[in-house]
Amino acid sequence: MYVCLCTQDTLESLCELYSLLKEEDMFTAVWLKRARLPQVTLALTYEQHGFFEQAQLAYEQVSCANVSVWEHFDALKAHS
């Protein structure tokens, strides 16, 4: 049986590739897999469905919770 273990480097490379190809749905799918906090998953889902105000509030809640998620924000900014 073959088991594929996705490392952070692999996921980072996929994010970069999908960003360059403007594949927003695939980019978000990889980030959903990488997200460690449910609030980040919620924010990404809001953003993907066009609920940008709710996404911003969800990101702010994560930020205000004093949780280190700056890598999430940096990747999303780079993708924009």
Protein backbone atom coordinates (compact mmCIF):
# COMPACT_ATOMS: atom_id res chain seq x y z
CA MET A 1 0.00 0.00 0.00
CA TYR A 2 1.37 3.41 -1.02
CA VAL A 3 0.97 6.25 1.48
CA CYS A 4 1.51 9.85 0.41
CA LEU A 5 2.65 12.19 3.17
CA CYS A 6 2.30 15.84 2.19
CA THR A 7 4.96 17.95 3.80
CA GLN A 8 4.71 21.67 4.36
CA ASP A 9 7.24 22.19 1.55
CA THR A 10 5.03 20.29 -0.86
CA LEU A 11 1.96 22.25 0.17
CA GLU A 12 3.88 25.51 -0.06
CA SER A 13 4.99 24.63 -3.58
CA LEU A 14 1.43 23.78 -4.57
CA CYS A 15 0.22 27.12 -3.19
CA GLU A 16 2.84 28.95 -5.19
CA LEU A 17 2.01 27.04 -8.37
CA TYR A 18 -1.74 27.57 -8.06
CA SER A 19 -1.19 31.24 -7.28
CA LEU A 20 0.92 31.71 -10.41
CA LEU A 21 -1.69 29.89 -12.49
CA LYS A 22 -4.49 32.01 -10.94
CA GLU A 23 -6.24 28.82 -9.81
CA GLU A 24 -8.00 30.40 -6.85
CA ASP A 25 -10.17 27.40 -5.97
CA MET A 26 -7.20 25.04 -5.93
CA PHE A 27 -5.13 27.56 -3.95
CA THR A 28 -7.89 27.77 -1.35
CA ALA A 29 -8.24 23.98 -1.24
CA VAL A 30 -4.56 23.63 -0.35
CA TRP A 31 -4.91 26.32 2.33
CA LEU A 32 -7.93 24.54 3.76
CA LYS A 33 -5.74 21.47 4.10
CA ARG A 34 -2.97 23.51 5.75
CA ALA A 35 -5.17 25.49 8.14
CA ARG A 36 -4.68 24.41 11.72
CA LEU A 37 -7.39 26.59 13.25
CA PRO A 38 -11.11 26.27 12.56
CA GLN A 39 -11.40 30.07 12.40
CA VAL A 40 -8.96 30.17 9.48
CA THR A 41 -10.92 27.46 7.69
CA LEU A 42 -14.10 29.48 8.23
CA ALA A 43 -12.46 32.67 6.93
CA LEU A 44 -11.12 30.92 3.83
CA THR A 45 -14.54 29.42 3.12
CA TYR A 46 -16.22 32.82 3.45
CA GLU A 47 -13.63 34.34 1.13
CA GLN A 48 -14.00 31.59 -1.45
CA HIS A 49 -17.77 32.11 -1.59
CA GLY A 50 -17.47 35.88 -1.92
CA PHE A 51 -18.44 36.84 1.63
CA PHE A 52 -15.49 39.17 2.02
CA GLU A 53 -16.78 41.15 5.01
CA GLN A 54 -17.42 37.96 6.99
CA ALA A 55 -14.00 36.63 5.93
CA GLN A 56 -12.33 39.80 7.15
CA LEU A 57 -14.12 39.56 10.50
CA ALA A 58 -13.08 35.92 10.86
CA TYR A 59 -9.45 36.80 10.10
CA GLU A 60 -9.62 39.63 12.63
CA GLN A 61 -10.99 37.28 15.28
CA VAL A 62 -8.07 34.94 14.74
CA SER A 63 -5.66 37.85 14.89
CA CYS A 64 -7.25 39.31 18.02
CA ALA A 65 -7.12 35.92 19.70
CA ASN A 66 -3.36 36.47 19.79
CA VAL A 67 -2.76 33.38 17.68
CA SER A 68 0.22 33.31 15.34
CA VAL A 69 -1.29 32.93 11.87
CA TRP A 70 0.78 35.48 10.01
CA GLU A 71 1.88 32.88 7.46
CA HIS A 72 -1.80 32.55 6.46
CA PHE A 73 -2.13 36.30 5.95
CA ASP A 74 1.17 36.57 4.04
CA ALA A 75 0.20 33.82 1.63
CA LEU A 76 -3.23 35.30 1.06
CA LYS A 77 -1.74 38.75 0.44
CA ALA A 78 0.76 37.28 -2.03
CA HIS A 79 -2.12 35.55 -3.80
CA SER A 80 -4.14 38.76 -4.21
